Amino acid sequence: CLTSLKKPRLFAITSKGHKSVFDCDFKQDDAFLFGSETSGLPANIHAEIAPNHKLRLPMVANNRSLNLANAVSIVIYEAWRQHDFAGS
């Protein structure tokens, strides 16, 4: 059950998110959950994630979405950037 996770904070990356990943201050131990490219996250997972922990990647209207590998890369790189590329 996802709600049993206390640490790290869990963020769902979803087109249903209202806040951009670029408007979030990530902590060192945050975790990210991505759905499949074709169907996204299942409804039961969405039900367990607080609305303020559902984040989206900004996209141009009416364009196709990014593939999963690119979306993961963008989010992880942004979180790492916020921590001054620790460990690089």
Protein backbone atom coordinates (compact mmCIF):
# COMPACT_ATOMS: atom_id res chain seq x y z
CA CYS A 1 0.00 0.00 0.00
CA LEU A 2 1.45 3.34 -1.04
CA THR A 3 0.04 5.16 1.98
CA SER A 4 2.31 3.11 4.25
CA LEU A 5 5.31 4.98 2.81
CA LYS A 6 6.26 7.69 5.28
CA LYS A 7 9.68 8.49 3.95
CA PRO A 8 10.54 9.36 1.24
CA ARG A 9 7.85 11.71 -0.03
CA LEU A 10 6.17 10.14 -3.03
CA PHE A 11 5.21 12.19 -6.08
CA ALA A 12 3.14 10.89 -8.97
CA ILE A 13 4.15 12.33 -12.32
CA THR A 14 0.90 12.55 -14.24
CA SER A 15 -0.93 14.59 -16.84
CA LYS A 16 -3.62 14.96 -14.15
CA GLY A 17 -1.27 16.97 -11.94
CA HIS A 18 -2.02 20.65 -11.39
CA LYS A 19 1.49 21.69 -10.32
CA SER A 20 4.54 21.62 -12.56
CA VAL A 21 7.62 19.65 -11.51
CA PHE A 22 9.50 22.93 -11.98
CA ASP A 23 7.42 24.61 -9.26
CA CYS A 24 8.20 22.00 -6.61
CA ASP A 25 11.05 22.08 -4.10
CA PHE A 26 12.37 18.54 -3.96
CA LYS A 27 14.05 17.01 -0.94
CA GLN A 28 17.05 14.70 -1.12
CA ASP A 29 15.03 11.53 -0.45
CA ASP A 30 11.94 12.22 -2.59
CA ALA A 31 10.63 9.42 -4.80
CA PHE A 32 8.77 9.60 -8.10
CA LEU A 33 6.12 7.31 -9.51
CA PHE A 34 5.49 7.12 -13.26
CA GLY A 35 2.74 5.23 -15.05
CA SER A 36 2.95 3.37 -18.33
CA GLU A 37 3.28 5.32 -21.57
CA THR A 38 -0.02 4.07 -22.92
CA SER A 39 -2.34 4.26 -19.93
CA GLY A 40 -0.63 6.27 -17.19
CA LEU A 41 -1.18 5.48 -13.53
CA PRO A 42 -4.13 3.26 -12.55
CA ALA A 43 -7.11 4.86 -10.78
CA ASN A 44 -6.39 3.02 -7.52
CA ILE A 45 -2.91 4.57 -7.40
CA HIS A 46 -4.30 8.04 -8.14
CA ALA A 47 -6.69 7.57 -5.22
CA GLU A 48 -3.77 7.04 -2.82
CA ILE A 49 -1.74 10.09 -3.87
CA ALA A 50 -2.60 13.50 -2.42
CA PRO A 51 -3.46 16.11 -5.08
CA ASN A 52 -0.48 18.27 -4.06
CA HIS A 53 1.80 15.29 -4.76
CA LYS A 54 0.58 14.86 -8.34
CA LEU A 55 2.96 16.74 -10.59
CA ARG A 56 2.96 17.31 -14.33
CA LEU A 57 5.48 18.17 -17.00
CA PRO A 58 4.48 21.28 -18.96
CA MET A 59 3.52 20.44 -22.54
CA VAL A 60 2.41 22.43 -25.57
CA ALA A 61 -1.36 22.04 -25.99
CA ASN A 62 -2.52 19.40 -28.47
CA ASN A 63 0.94 17.80 -28.78
CA ARG A 64 1.78 14.21 -28.08
CA SER A 65 3.22 13.46 -24.67
CA LEU A 66 6.86 12.65 -23.97
CA ASN A 67 7.86 9.02 -23.85
CA LEU A 68 8.47 7.51 -20.43
CA ALA A 69 12.27 7.52 -20.60
CA ASN A 70 12.36 11.22 -21.48
CA ALA A 71 9.84 12.13 -18.77
CA VAL A 72 11.85 10.24 -16.13
CA SER A 73 15.07 11.88 -17.28
CA ILE A 74 13.60 15.38 -17.07
CA VAL A 75 12.14 14.91 -13.58
CA ILE A 76 15.22 13.23 -12.10
CA TYR A 77 17.54 15.81 -13.62
CA GLU A 78 15.43 18.66 -12.22
CA ALA A 79 15.49 17.14 -8.73
CA TRP A 80 19.27 16.65 -9.00
CA ARG A 81 19.73 20.22 -10.29
CA GLN A 82 17.87 21.57 -7.26
CA HIS A 83 20.50 19.90 -5.09
CA ASP A 84 23.40 21.45 -7.02
CA PHE A 85 24.15 18.15 -8.76
CA ALA A 86 25.29 16.53 -5.51
CA GLY A 87 27.69 13.68 -6.09
CA SER A 88 28.78 14.80 -9.54
